[in-house]
Amino acid sequence: MTLTSGDATEECGTYENLNTVALFEDQKKVSLFTVRGYGSSRRYQLATGVLGLISAALLMAVIGMSIQRACKSCPPDWKALNHSCFYFSPPGGNMREGWDGSRADCVQRGADLAIVDTLEKQTFISKILNGRHKTFNIWYGYWIGLRDKVNEQTWTWINGSLLTEGYWRDGEPNDYNLFAEDCAATYPTDDTLKSWNDAPCSHPLGWICEKEATEI
């Protein structure tokens, strides 16, 4: 059971090669065999037929319970990847916030800034940003849940885990000109593996929220 990459749609696991019709027919064959083997009185045929139908109904109920599975989905305007949902703030100058303001918006949505701790997530996010913006621009960045504000050069995710694999642009992070560039943002770039930049946390940018998909 997974969510497919893309829009807010759910996809649940299915059980293939489960031929319930054939199972039902097998139950009827058992009933007919019993009738032929033990007699053909009308009452006996009726009883055996009813017994076969009951057996088939019970079998179908057991199968139904065994294939029950939970579906998960994302809200409208969110993007799905595996078991997570991602929200990208709308592009445009009037929809930019500093890191703290961006995180506050995510929290209001029941989420938090995105933790981009796998190559799959990085590739997924880069594809969406490159679809929005065709070129790199300092205003096209989107805040993610990473910063080194507590301990300089110790980049930490908002869940408390340390950064182990970064996707920084060449020369980054550099704390440029001692501007206290303590928060990380990701940008549209030609190289998927080089899209992060450190920036002042008050710098107005877009943002990416992440939360678990909800069960329906």
N, C-alpha and C. Protein backbone atom coordinates (compact mmCIF):
# COMPACT_ATOMS: atom_id res chain seq x y z
N MET A 1 0.86 -1.19 0.00
CA MET A 1 0.00 0.00 0.00
C MET A 1 0.89 1.23 0.00
N THR A 2 0.88 1.97 -1.10
CA THR A 2 1.69 3.17 -1.20
C THR A 2 0.90 4.25 -1.91
N LEU A 3 1.40 5.46 -1.73
CA LEU A 3 0.88 6.58 -2.50
C LEU A 3 1.80 6.80 -3.69
N THR A 4 1.24 7.07 -4.81
CA THR A 4 2.05 7.32 -5.98
C THR A 4 2.56 8.74 -5.97
N SER A 5 3.70 8.96 -6.63
CA SER A 5 4.25 10.30 -6.74
C SER A 5 3.34 11.16 -7.59
N GLY A 6 3.10 12.37 -7.16
CA GLY A 6 2.30 13.28 -7.96
C GLY A 6 1.19 13.91 -7.17
N ASP A 7 0.02 14.02 -7.77
CA ASP A 7 -1.09 14.71 -7.13
C ASP A 7 -1.62 13.93 -5.95
N ALA A 8 -2.57 14.58 -5.25
CA ALA A 8 -3.07 14.02 -4.00
C ALA A 8 -4.05 12.89 -4.27
N THR A 9 -3.54 11.76 -4.68
CA THR A 9 -4.36 10.59 -4.93
C THR A 9 -3.82 9.41 -4.16
N GLU A 10 -4.71 8.50 -3.81
CA GLU A 10 -4.26 7.33 -3.08
C GLU A 10 -4.26 6.11 -3.97
N GLU A 11 -3.41 5.16 -3.65
CA GLU A 11 -3.36 3.90 -4.38
C GLU A 11 -3.18 2.79 -3.37
N CYS A 12 -4.10 1.87 -3.32
CA CYS A 12 -4.05 0.81 -2.33
C CYS A 12 -3.61 -0.48 -2.99
N GLY A 13 -3.00 -1.34 -2.22
CA GLY A 13 -2.55 -2.62 -2.73
C GLY A 13 -3.73 -3.48 -3.14
N THR A 14 -3.54 -4.29 -4.17
CA THR A 14 -4.59 -5.19 -4.63
C THR A 14 -4.07 -6.61 -4.61
N TYR A 15 -4.99 -7.54 -4.51
CA TYR A 15 -4.65 -8.94 -4.51
C TYR A 15 -5.00 -9.53 -5.86
N GLU A 16 -3.98 -9.82 -6.65
CA GLU A 16 -4.21 -10.38 -7.96
C GLU A 16 -4.29 -11.90 -7.85
N ASN A 17 -4.82 -12.51 -8.89
CA ASN A 17 -4.93 -13.96 -8.98
C ASN A 17 -5.82 -14.55 -7.90
N LEU A 18 -6.72 -13.76 -7.34
CA LEU A 18 -7.64 -14.25 -6.33
C LEU A 18 -8.98 -14.46 -7.02
N ASN A 19 -9.22 -15.68 -7.49
CA ASN A 19 -10.41 -15.98 -8.28
C ASN A 19 -11.52 -16.46 -7.37
N THR A 20 -12.30 -15.50 -6.87
CA THR A 20 -13.37 -15.85 -5.94
C THR A 20 -14.49 -16.58 -6.65
N VAL A 21 -14.68 -16.33 -7.93
CA VAL A 21 -15.71 -17.04 -8.68
C VAL A 21 -15.38 -18.52 -8.74
N ALA A 22 -14.10 -18.81 -9.01
CA ALA A 22 -13.69 -20.21 -9.07
C ALA A 22 -13.89 -20.89 -7.72
N LEU A 23 -13.59 -20.18 -6.64
CA LEU A 23 -13.78 -20.76 -5.32
C LEU A 23 -15.25 -21.07 -5.06
N PHE A 24 -16.12 -20.16 -5.51
CA PHE A 24 -17.54 -20.37 -5.35
C PHE A 24 -18.01 -21.59 -6.15
N GLU A 25 -17.49 -21.72 -7.36
CA GLU A 25 -17.86 -22.87 -8.19
C GLU A 25 -17.38 -24.16 -7.56
N ASP A 26 -16.20 -24.13 -6.92
CA ASP A 26 -15.70 -25.32 -6.23
C ASP A 26 -16.64 -25.75 -5.13
N GLN A 27 -17.19 -24.76 -4.43
CA GLN A 27 -18.12 -25.08 -3.37
C GLN A 27 -19.37 -25.77 -3.94
N LYS A 28 -19.85 -25.31 -5.09
CA LYS A 28 -21.02 -25.93 -5.69
C LYS A 28 -20.72 -27.35 -6.14
N LYS A 29 -19.48 -27.56 -6.66
CA LYS A 29 -19.10 -28.90 -7.08
C LYS A 29 -19.07 -29.86 -5.90
N VAL A 30 -18.59 -29.39 -4.77
CA VAL A 30 -18.58 -30.23 -3.56
C VAL A 30 -20.00 -30.63 -3.19
N SER A 31 -20.93 -29.67 -3.27
CA SER A 31 -22.32 -29.95 -2.93
C SER A 31 -22.91 -30.99 -3.88
N LEU A 32 -22.66 -30.85 -5.18
CA LEU A 32 -23.20 -31.81 -6.15
C LEU A 32 -22.60 -33.18 -5.96
N PHE A 33 -21.31 -33.23 -5.65
CA PHE A 33 -20.66 -34.51 -5.41
C PHE A 33 -21.29 -35.21 -4.21
N THR A 34 -21.57 -34.42 -3.18
CA THR A 34 -22.19 -34.99 -1.98
C THR A 34 -23.57 -35.54 -2.31
N VAL A 35 -24.33 -34.80 -3.11
CA VAL A 35 -25.68 -35.25 -3.49
C VAL A 35 -25.61 -36.55 -4.26
N ARG A 36 -24.71 -36.62 -5.24
CA ARG A 36 -24.62 -37.80 -6.08
C ARG A 36 -24.12 -39.02 -5.30
N GLY A 37 -23.30 -38.76 -4.31
CA GLY A 37 -22.74 -39.87 -3.56
C GLY A 37 -23.68 -40.43 -2.52
N TYR A 38 -24.57 -39.63 -2.02
CA TYR A 38 -25.36 -40.09 -0.87
C TYR A 38 -26.86 -40.12 -1.15
N GLY A 39 -27.24 -39.88 -2.36
CA GLY A 39 -28.67 -39.98 -2.64
C GLY A 39 -29.18 -38.76 -3.34
N SER A 40 -30.37 -38.86 -3.85
CA SER A 40 -30.89 -37.76 -4.64
C SER A 40 -32.29 -37.35 -4.19
N SER A 41 -32.60 -37.58 -2.91
CA SER A 41 -33.91 -37.16 -2.44
C SER A 41 -34.00 -35.65 -2.49
N ARG A 42 -35.20 -35.15 -2.72
CA ARG A 42 -35.40 -33.70 -2.85
C ARG A 42 -34.96 -32.97 -1.60
N ARG A 43 -35.31 -33.54 -0.43
CA ARG A 43 -34.96 -32.89 0.84
C ARG A 43 -33.44 -32.87 1.02
N TYR A 44 -32.80 -33.96 0.65
CA TYR A 44 -31.35 -34.02 0.83
C TYR A 44 -30.63 -33.06 -0.12
N GLN A 45 -31.15 -32.99 -1.34
CA GLN A 45 -30.57 -32.05 -2.29
C GLN A 45 -30.69 -30.62 -1.78
N LEU A 46 -31.84 -30.29 -1.24
CA LEU A 46 -32.06 -28.93 -0.74
C LEU A 46 -31.13 -28.62 0.42
N ALA A 47 -31.02 -29.57 1.36
CA ALA A 47 -30.15 -29.35 2.52
C ALA A 47 -28.70 -29.19 2.12
N THR A 48 -28.28 -30.05 1.18
CA THR A 48 -26.88 -29.98 0.74
C THR A 48 -26.60 -28.69 -0.02
N GLY A 49 -27.57 -28.25 -0.83
CA GLY A 49 -27.41 -27.01 -1.55
C GLY A 49 -27.29 -25.81 -0.63
N VAL A 50 -28.15 -25.79 0.40
CA VAL A 50 -28.09 -24.71 1.38
C VAL A 50 -26.76 -24.71 2.10
N LEU A 51 -26.29 -25.93 2.47
CA LEU A 51 -25.00 -26.05 3.16
C LEU A 51 -23.86 -25.52 2.28
N GLY A 52 -23.94 -25.83 1.00
CA GLY A 52 -22.90 -25.34 0.09
C GLY A 52 -22.90 -23.84 -0.03
N LEU A 53 -24.09 -23.23 -0.09
CA LEU A 53 -24.18 -21.78 -0.17
C LEU A 53 -23.66 -21.11 1.08
N ILE A 54 -23.98 -21.70 2.23
CA ILE A 54 -23.47 -21.15 3.50
C ILE A 54 -21.96 -21.22 3.54
N SER A 55 -21.42 -22.37 3.11
CA SER A 55 -19.97 -22.52 3.10
C SER A 55 -19.31 -21.49 2.19
N ALA A 56 -19.92 -21.28 1.02
CA ALA A 56 -19.38 -20.29 0.08
C ALA A 56 -19.44 -18.89 0.67
N ALA A 57 -20.55 -18.57 1.35
CA ALA A 57 -20.69 -17.23 1.95
C ALA A 57 -19.65 -17.02 3.03
N LEU A 58 -19.43 -18.05 3.85
CA LEU A 58 -18.40 -17.93 4.90
C LEU A 58 -17.02 -17.77 4.29
N LEU A 59 -16.76 -18.50 3.23
CA LEU A 59 -15.46 -18.39 2.56
C LEU A 59 -15.25 -16.99 2.02
N MET A 60 -16.28 -16.44 1.40
CA MET A 60 -16.18 -15.08 0.87
C MET A 60 -15.95 -14.06 1.98
N ALA A 61 -16.58 -14.26 3.14
CA ALA A 61 -16.40 -13.34 4.26
C ALA A 61 -14.97 -13.38 4.76
N VAL A 62 -14.40 -14.59 4.86
CA VAL A 62 -13.01 -14.73 5.32
C VAL A 62 -12.06 -14.06 4.34
N ILE A 63 -12.31 -14.27 3.04
CA ILE A 63 -11.46 -13.63 2.03
C ILE A 63 -11.57 -12.12 2.12
N GLY A 64 -12.79 -11.63 2.31
CA GLY A 64 -12.99 -10.18 2.40
C GLY A 64 -12.22 -9.57 3.55
N MET A 65 -12.23 -10.25 4.70
CA MET A 65 -11.49 -9.74 5.85
C MET A 65 -10.00 -9.79 5.62
N SER A 66 -9.54 -10.79 4.90
CA SER A 66 -8.10 -10.96 4.71
C SER A 66 -7.52 -9.92 3.77
N ILE A 67 -8.34 -9.37 2.86
CA ILE A 67 -7.80 -8.40 1.91
C ILE A 67 -8.12 -6.96 2.28
N GLN A 68 -8.72 -6.77 3.46
CA GLN A 68 -8.96 -5.40 3.89
C GLN A 68 -7.63 -4.71 4.10
N ARG A 69 -7.49 -3.50 3.62
CA ARG A 69 -6.26 -2.75 3.80
C ARG A 69 -6.59 -1.28 3.90
N ALA A 70 -5.70 -0.55 4.55
CA ALA A 70 -5.93 0.88 4.76
C ALA A 70 -5.45 1.68 3.56
N CYS A 71 -6.28 2.60 3.11
CA CYS A 71 -5.89 3.52 2.06
C CYS A 71 -5.46 4.84 2.71
N LYS A 72 -4.51 5.50 2.10
CA LYS A 72 -4.07 6.79 2.61
C LYS A 72 -4.13 7.81 1.49
N SER A 73 -4.38 9.05 1.85
CA SER A 73 -4.49 10.10 0.84
C SER A 73 -3.93 11.41 1.35
N CYS A 74 -3.72 12.34 0.42
CA CYS A 74 -3.24 13.68 0.74
C CYS A 74 -4.34 14.70 0.45
N PRO A 75 -4.29 15.85 1.13
CA PRO A 75 -5.29 16.90 0.87
C PRO A 75 -5.14 17.46 -0.55
N PRO A 76 -6.15 18.14 -1.04
CA PRO A 76 -6.03 18.83 -2.33
C PRO A 76 -4.87 19.82 -2.29
N ASP A 77 -4.22 19.99 -3.42
CA ASP A 77 -3.09 20.92 -3.59
C ASP A 77 -1.81 20.42 -2.94
N TRP A 78 -1.81 19.21 -2.41
CA TRP A 78 -0.59 18.60 -1.89
C TRP A 78 -0.11 17.56 -2.89
N LYS A 79 1.17 17.24 -2.83
CA LYS A 79 1.77 16.24 -3.70
C LYS A 79 2.14 15.01 -2.87
N ALA A 80 1.91 13.85 -3.43
CA ALA A 80 2.13 12.60 -2.70
C ALA A 80 3.41 11.91 -3.13
N LEU A 81 4.15 11.42 -2.14
CA LEU A 81 5.32 10.58 -2.38
C LEU A 81 5.35 9.53 -1.29
N ASN A 82 5.18 8.27 -1.70
CA ASN A 82 5.14 7.16 -0.75
C ASN A 82 4.08 7.44 0.33
N HIS A 83 4.47 7.51 1.59
CA HIS A 83 3.51 7.72 2.67
C HIS A 83 3.47 9.18 3.13
N SER A 84 4.07 10.09 2.38
CA SER A 84 4.15 11.49 2.78
C SER A 84 3.42 12.39 1.80
N CYS A 85 2.99 13.54 2.32
CA CYS A 85 2.33 14.56 1.52
C CYS A 85 3.18 15.84 1.59
N PHE A 86 3.33 16.52 0.46
CA PHE A 86 4.15 17.72 0.39
C PHE A 86 3.33 18.89 -0.13
N TYR A 87 3.48 20.01 0.55
CA TYR A 87 2.81 21.25 0.13
C TYR A 87 3.88 22.25 -0.31
N PHE A 88 3.71 22.81 -1.50
CA PHE A 88 4.62 23.82 -2.02
C PHE A 88 3.88 25.16 -2.04
N SER A 89 4.44 26.14 -1.34
CA SER A 89 3.77 27.44 -1.31
C SER A 89 3.67 27.98 -2.74
N PRO A 90 2.60 28.72 -3.04
CA PRO A 90 2.41 29.23 -4.40
C PRO A 90 3.56 30.15 -4.81
N PRO A 91 3.98 30.07 -6.07
CA PRO A 91 5.03 30.98 -6.53
C PRO A 91 4.50 32.41 -6.61
N GLY A 92 5.38 33.36 -6.38
CA GLY A 92 4.96 34.76 -6.44
C GLY A 92 5.52 35.55 -5.28
N GLY A 93 5.77 36.82 -5.51
CA GLY A 93 6.40 37.66 -4.50
C GLY A 93 5.59 37.86 -3.24
N ASN A 94 4.26 37.76 -3.33
CA ASN A 94 3.43 37.99 -2.15
C ASN A 94 3.25 36.73 -1.30
N MET A 95 3.90 35.64 -1.69
CA MET A 95 3.81 34.40 -0.94
C MET A 95 5.18 33.95 -0.48
N ARG A 96 5.92 34.86 0.12
CA ARG A 96 7.25 34.54 0.63
C ARG A 96 7.32 34.88 2.11
N GLU A 97 8.04 34.06 2.82
CA GLU A 97 8.20 34.26 4.27
C GLU A 97 9.64 33.93 4.65
N GLY A 98 10.03 34.38 5.84
CA GLY A 98 11.28 33.90 6.42
C GLY A 98 11.11 32.46 6.87
N TRP A 99 12.20 31.87 7.37
CA TRP A 99 12.16 30.46 7.77
C TRP A 99 11.13 30.24 8.87
N ASP A 100 11.12 31.09 9.89
CA ASP A 100 10.19 30.91 11.00
C ASP A 100 8.74 31.07 10.55
N GLY A 101 8.47 32.09 9.72
CA GLY A 101 7.11 32.28 9.23
C GLY A 101 6.66 31.13 8.35
N SER A 102 7.58 30.59 7.58
CA SER A 102 7.26 29.45 6.73
C SER A 102 6.93 28.22 7.57
N ARG A 103 7.70 28.01 8.60
CA ARG A 103 7.43 26.87 9.48
C ARG A 103 6.09 27.03 10.19
N ALA A 104 5.77 28.24 10.59
CA ALA A 104 4.49 28.50 11.25
C ALA A 104 3.32 28.15 10.32
N ASP A 105 3.47 28.47 9.05
CA ASP A 105 2.41 28.14 8.09
C ASP A 105 2.26 26.62 7.97
N CYS A 106 3.38 25.92 7.93
CA CYS A 106 3.31 24.45 7.86
C CYS A 106 2.60 23.88 9.08
N VAL A 107 2.94 24.39 10.26
CA VAL A 107 2.33 23.89 11.49
C VAL A 107 0.82 24.11 11.46
N GLN A 108 0.39 25.26 10.96
CA GLN A 108 -1.05 25.53 10.84
C GLN A 108 -1.74 24.52 9.92
N ARG A 109 -0.97 23.95 9.01
CA ARG A 109 -1.52 22.96 8.08
C ARG A 109 -1.38 21.53 8.61
N GLY A 110 -0.97 21.42 9.86
CA GLY A 110 -0.79 20.09 10.44
C GLY A 110 0.46 19.40 9.95
N ALA A 111 1.45 20.19 9.56
CA ALA A 111 2.67 19.65 8.98
C ALA A 111 3.89 20.35 9.58
N ASP A 112 5.02 20.22 8.94
CA ASP A 112 6.23 20.95 9.32
C ASP A 112 7.06 21.11 8.05
N LEU A 113 8.11 21.90 8.14
CA LEU A 113 8.98 22.06 6.98
C LEU A 113 9.55 20.71 6.57
N ALA A 114 9.73 20.52 5.27
CA ALA A 114 10.11 19.22 4.73
C ALA A 114 11.50 18.79 5.18
N ILE A 115 11.62 17.51 5.47
CA ILE A 115 12.90 16.89 5.78
C ILE A 115 13.34 16.10 4.54
N VAL A 116 14.32 16.63 3.85
CA VAL A 116 14.75 16.04 2.58
C VAL A 116 15.97 15.15 2.86
N ASP A 117 15.73 14.01 3.44
CA ASP A 117 16.82 13.15 3.90
C ASP A 117 17.03 11.91 3.05
N THR A 118 16.43 11.88 1.85
CA THR A 118 16.67 10.77 0.93
C THR A 118 16.81 11.32 -0.48
N LEU A 119 17.51 10.57 -1.32
CA LEU A 119 17.66 10.97 -2.71
C LEU A 119 16.30 10.97 -3.41
N GLU A 120 15.42 10.07 -3.02
CA GLU A 120 14.09 10.01 -3.63
C GLU A 120 13.33 11.31 -3.39
N LYS A 121 13.37 11.80 -2.16
CA LYS A 121 12.70 13.07 -1.85
C LYS A 121 13.34 14.22 -2.60
N GLN A 122 14.68 14.24 -2.62
CA GLN A 122 15.39 15.31 -3.31
C GLN A 122 15.02 15.36 -4.79
N THR A 123 14.99 14.21 -5.42
CA THR A 123 14.64 14.14 -6.84
C THR A 123 13.20 14.57 -7.08
N PHE A 124 12.32 14.12 -6.21
CA PHE A 124 10.89 14.46 -6.30
C PHE A 124 10.68 15.96 -6.20
N ILE A 125 11.31 16.59 -5.21
CA ILE A 125 11.15 18.04 -5.00
C ILE A 125 11.78 18.83 -6.14
N SER A 126 12.96 18.42 -6.57
CA SER A 126 13.64 19.13 -7.65
C SER A 126 12.83 19.12 -8.93
N LYS A 127 12.20 18.00 -9.22
CA LYS A 127 11.39 17.90 -10.43
C LYS A 127 10.23 18.90 -10.40
N ILE A 128 9.60 19.03 -9.24
CA ILE A 128 8.48 19.97 -9.12
C ILE A 128 8.96 21.41 -9.24
N LEU A 129 10.06 21.74 -8.57
CA LEU A 129 10.56 23.11 -8.63
C LEU A 129 11.05 23.47 -10.02
N ASN A 130 11.69 22.54 -10.70
CA ASN A 130 12.16 22.81 -12.06
C ASN A 130 10.99 22.98 -13.02
N GLY A 131 9.86 22.38 -12.68
CA GLY A 131 8.67 22.58 -13.49
C GLY A 131 8.05 23.96 -13.28
N ARG A 132 8.30 24.55 -12.12
CA ARG A 132 7.76 25.88 -11.81
C ARG A 132 8.65 26.99 -12.34
N HIS A 133 9.96 26.82 -12.18
CA HIS A 133 10.91 27.87 -12.52
C HIS A 133 11.98 27.28 -13.45
N LYS A 134 12.19 27.91 -14.55
CA LYS A 134 13.10 27.37 -15.56
C LYS A 134 14.55 27.74 -15.31
N THR A 135 14.81 28.76 -14.51
CA THR A 135 16.18 29.20 -14.27
C THR A 135 16.39 29.43 -12.77
N PHE A 136 17.64 29.47 -12.38
CA PHE A 136 17.97 29.75 -10.98
C PHE A 136 17.82 31.24 -10.71
N ASN A 137 17.28 31.57 -9.54
CA ASN A 137 17.15 32.95 -9.11
C ASN A 137 17.12 32.94 -7.59
N ILE A 138 17.76 33.92 -6.97
CA ILE A 138 17.84 33.92 -5.50
C ILE A 138 16.46 34.01 -4.86
N TRP A 139 15.44 34.45 -5.61
CA TRP A 139 14.09 34.57 -5.06
C TRP A 139 13.26 33.31 -5.27
N TYR A 140 13.80 32.35 -5.99
CA TYR A 140 13.05 31.14 -6.30
C TYR A 140 13.29 30.01 -5.30
N GLY A 141 13.93 30.33 -4.20
CA GLY A 141 14.22 29.30 -3.19
C GLY A 141 13.00 28.93 -2.36
N TYR A 142 13.06 27.74 -1.77
CA TYR A 142 11.99 27.23 -0.90
C TYR A 142 12.63 26.67 0.36
N TRP A 143 12.19 27.19 1.50
CA TRP A 143 12.74 26.73 2.77
C TRP A 143 12.43 25.25 3.02
N ILE A 144 13.42 24.55 3.57
CA ILE A 144 13.25 23.19 4.05
C ILE A 144 13.59 23.15 5.54
N GLY A 145 13.32 22.06 6.20
CA GLY A 145 13.47 21.99 7.65
C GLY A 145 14.88 21.72 8.13
N LEU A 146 15.83 22.54 7.68
CA LEU A 146 17.25 22.32 8.00
C LEU A 146 17.89 23.66 8.35
N ARG A 147 18.70 23.67 9.42
CA ARG A 147 19.42 24.89 9.81
C ARG A 147 20.59 24.56 10.72
N ASP A 148 21.49 25.53 10.85
CA ASP A 148 22.62 25.37 11.78
C ASP A 148 22.65 26.53 12.77
N LYS A 149 21.48 27.00 13.14
CA LYS A 149 21.35 28.18 13.99
C LYS A 149 21.85 27.93 15.41
N VAL A 150 21.70 26.71 15.88
CA VAL A 150 22.12 26.40 17.26
C VAL A 150 23.62 26.25 17.34
N ASN A 151 24.18 25.41 16.46
CA ASN A 151 25.63 25.21 16.41
C ASN A 151 26.11 25.44 14.98
N GLU A 152 26.92 26.46 14.80
CA GLU A 152 27.38 26.81 13.47
C GLU A 152 28.08 25.64 12.79
N GLN A 153 27.69 25.41 11.52
CA GLN A 153 28.21 24.33 10.68
C GLN A 153 27.76 22.93 11.13
N THR A 154 26.87 22.87 12.09
CA THR A 154 26.26 21.59 12.46
C THR A 154 24.81 21.65 11.99
N TRP A 155 24.58 21.19 10.78
CA TRP A 155 23.25 21.28 10.18
C TRP A 155 22.35 20.20 10.73
N THR A 156 21.22 20.65 11.24
CA THR A 156 20.30 19.75 11.95
C THR A 156 18.89 19.88 11.40
N TRP A 157 18.24 18.75 11.20
CA TRP A 157 16.84 18.75 10.76
C TRP A 157 15.92 19.10 11.92
N ILE A 158 14.72 19.52 11.61
CA ILE A 158 13.78 19.95 12.64
C ILE A 158 13.37 18.81 13.57
N ASN A 159 13.59 17.56 13.17
CA ASN A 159 13.29 16.44 14.06
C ASN A 159 14.46 16.09 14.97
N GLY A 160 15.52 16.89 14.91
CA GLY A 160 16.67 16.70 15.79
C GLY A 160 17.79 15.85 15.21
N SER A 161 17.58 15.23 14.06
CA SER A 161 18.62 14.40 13.45
C SER A 161 19.62 15.26 12.69
N LEU A 162 20.86 14.81 12.68
CA LEU A 162 21.92 15.55 12.00
C LEU A 162 21.91 15.26 10.50
N LEU A 163 22.31 16.25 9.74
CA LEU A 163 22.41 16.08 8.30
C LEU A 163 23.54 15.10 7.98
N THR A 164 23.25 14.08 7.21
CA THR A 164 24.27 13.11 6.81
C THR A 164 24.58 13.18 5.32
N GLU A 165 23.62 13.59 4.51
CA GLU A 165 23.81 13.70 3.07
C GLU A 165 23.16 14.99 2.60
N GLY A 166 23.99 15.93 2.11
CA GLY A 166 23.46 17.21 1.66
C GLY A 166 23.52 17.34 0.15
N TYR A 167 22.66 18.19 -0.39
CA TYR A 167 22.60 18.40 -1.84
C TYR A 167 22.85 19.89 -2.12
N TRP A 168 24.02 20.34 -1.67
CA TRP A 168 24.38 21.75 -1.73
C TRP A 168 24.86 22.16 -3.12
N ARG A 169 24.57 23.41 -3.48
CA ARG A 169 25.18 23.99 -4.66
C ARG A 169 26.67 24.14 -4.44
N ASP A 170 27.41 24.21 -5.52
CA ASP A 170 28.87 24.36 -5.41
C ASP A 170 29.20 25.58 -4.55
N GLY A 171 30.11 25.40 -3.60
CA GLY A 171 30.54 26.49 -2.73
C GLY A 171 29.64 26.72 -1.53
N GLU A 172 28.57 25.96 -1.41
CA GLU A 172 27.64 26.10 -0.29
C GLU A 172 27.78 24.89 0.65
N PRO A 173 27.43 25.12 1.93
CA PRO A 173 27.05 26.38 2.59
C PRO A 173 28.29 27.22 2.90
N ASN A 174 28.16 28.53 2.79
CA ASN A 174 29.34 29.38 2.95
C ASN A 174 29.16 30.52 3.94
N ASP A 175 27.93 30.67 4.50
CA ASP A 175 27.69 31.77 5.45
C ASP A 175 28.20 33.07 4.86
N TYR A 176 27.77 33.35 3.63
CA TYR A 176 28.33 34.41 2.80
C TYR A 176 28.43 35.74 3.51
N ASN A 177 29.64 36.29 3.50
CA ASN A 177 29.91 37.64 4.01
C ASN A 177 29.44 37.81 5.46
N LEU A 178 29.49 36.70 6.20
CA LEU A 178 29.11 36.70 7.62
C LEU A 178 27.68 37.20 7.82
N PHE A 179 26.79 36.85 6.90
CA PHE A 179 25.40 37.27 6.99
C PHE A 179 24.55 36.34 7.85
N ALA A 180 25.20 35.48 8.61
CA ALA A 180 24.48 34.53 9.46
C ALA A 180 23.47 33.73 8.64
N GLU A 181 23.97 33.08 7.60
CA GLU A 181 23.12 32.25 6.75
C GLU A 181 22.93 30.89 7.44
N ASP A 182 21.95 30.85 8.31
CA ASP A 182 21.79 29.70 9.19
C ASP A 182 20.62 28.78 8.80
N CYS A 183 19.93 29.07 7.70
CA CYS A 183 18.81 28.24 7.29
C CYS A 183 19.00 27.78 5.85
N ALA A 184 18.49 26.60 5.55
CA ALA A 184 18.70 26.01 4.23
C ALA A 184 17.45 26.10 3.37
N ALA A 185 17.69 26.38 2.10
CA ALA A 185 16.60 26.43 1.12
C ALA A 185 17.03 25.62 -0.11
N THR A 186 16.07 25.13 -0.84
CA THR A 186 16.35 24.41 -2.08
C THR A 186 15.84 25.21 -3.26
N TYR A 187 16.53 25.10 -4.39
CA TYR A 187 16.26 25.94 -5.55
C TYR A 187 16.11 25.07 -6.81
N PRO A 188 15.45 25.61 -7.83
CA PRO A 188 15.43 24.91 -9.11
C PRO A 188 16.81 25.01 -9.77
N THR A 189 17.38 23.88 -10.12
CA THR A 189 18.70 23.85 -10.75
C THR A 189 18.75 22.73 -11.78
N ASP A 190 19.72 22.81 -12.67
CA ASP A 190 19.89 21.76 -13.68
C ASP A 190 20.40 20.47 -13.06
N ASP A 191 21.17 20.59 -11.98
CA ASP A 191 21.74 19.42 -11.31
C ASP A 191 20.90 19.09 -10.08
N THR A 192 20.19 17.98 -10.13
CA THR A 192 19.32 17.58 -9.01
C THR A 192 20.08 17.45 -7.70
N LEU A 193 21.33 17.05 -7.79
CA LEU A 193 22.11 16.81 -6.58
C LEU A 193 22.78 18.06 -6.03
N LYS A 194 22.56 19.20 -6.68
CA LYS A 194 23.17 20.45 -6.23
C LYS A 194 22.13 21.57 -6.29
N SER A 195 21.27 21.62 -5.27
CA SER A 195 20.20 22.61 -5.30
C SER A 195 20.03 23.38 -4.00
N TRP A 196 20.77 23.02 -2.95
CA TRP A 196 20.60 23.69 -1.66
C TRP A 196 21.52 24.91 -1.55
N ASN A 197 21.04 25.86 -0.75
CA ASN A 197 21.82 27.06 -0.47
C ASN A 197 21.51 27.51 0.95
N ASP A 198 22.52 27.98 1.66
CA ASP A 198 22.25 28.56 2.98
C ASP A 198 21.94 30.04 2.80
N ALA A 199 20.99 30.53 3.58
CA ALA A 199 20.54 31.92 3.45
C ALA A 199 20.16 32.46 4.82
N PRO A 200 20.13 33.77 4.97
CA PRO A 200 19.66 34.34 6.24
C PRO A 200 18.24 33.86 6.52
N CYS A 201 17.96 33.47 7.74
CA CYS A 201 16.66 32.88 8.07
C CYS A 201 15.51 33.87 7.88
N SER A 202 15.81 35.17 7.86
CA SER A 202 14.76 36.18 7.68
C SER A 202 14.50 36.47 6.20
N HIS A 203 15.29 35.89 5.32
CA HIS A 203 15.15 36.14 3.88
C HIS A 203 13.80 35.60 3.39
N PRO A 204 12.99 36.40 2.71
CA PRO A 204 11.67 35.92 2.27
C PRO A 204 11.77 34.98 1.07
N LEU A 205 11.31 33.75 1.28
CA LEU A 205 11.33 32.73 0.24
C LEU A 205 10.04 31.92 0.30
N GLY A 206 9.87 31.03 -0.66
CA GLY A 206 8.78 30.07 -0.57
C GLY A 206 9.12 28.99 0.44
N TRP A 207 8.27 28.00 0.58
CA TRP A 207 8.53 26.94 1.55
C TRP A 207 7.83 25.65 1.15
N ILE A 208 8.34 24.56 1.71
CA ILE A 208 7.79 23.22 1.43
C ILE A 208 7.43 22.57 2.75
N CYS A 209 6.18 22.17 2.89
CA CYS A 209 5.71 21.48 4.09
C CYS A 209 5.63 19.97 3.81
N GLU A 210 5.72 19.20 4.86
CA GLU A 210 5.60 17.74 4.76
C GLU A 210 4.80 17.19 5.92
N LYS A 211 3.96 16.22 5.65
CA LYS A 211 3.25 15.50 6.71
C LYS A 211 2.89 14.12 6.23
N GLU A 212 2.54 13.27 7.18
CA GLU A 212 2.13 11.91 6.86
C GLU A 212 0.79 11.92 6.14
N ALA A 213 0.64 11.02 5.20
CA ALA A 213 -0.65 10.85 4.54
C ALA A 213 -1.65 10.32 5.57
N THR A 214 -2.90 10.69 5.43
CA THR A 214 -3.93 10.30 6.39
C THR A 214 -4.69 9.08 5.89
N GLU A 215 -5.05 8.23 6.84
CA GLU A 215 -5.77 7.01 6.50
C GLU A 215 -7.24 7.32 6.28
N ILE A 216 -7.81 6.70 5.24
CA ILE A 216 -9.23 6.92 4.94
C ILE A 216 -9.96 5.60 4.93
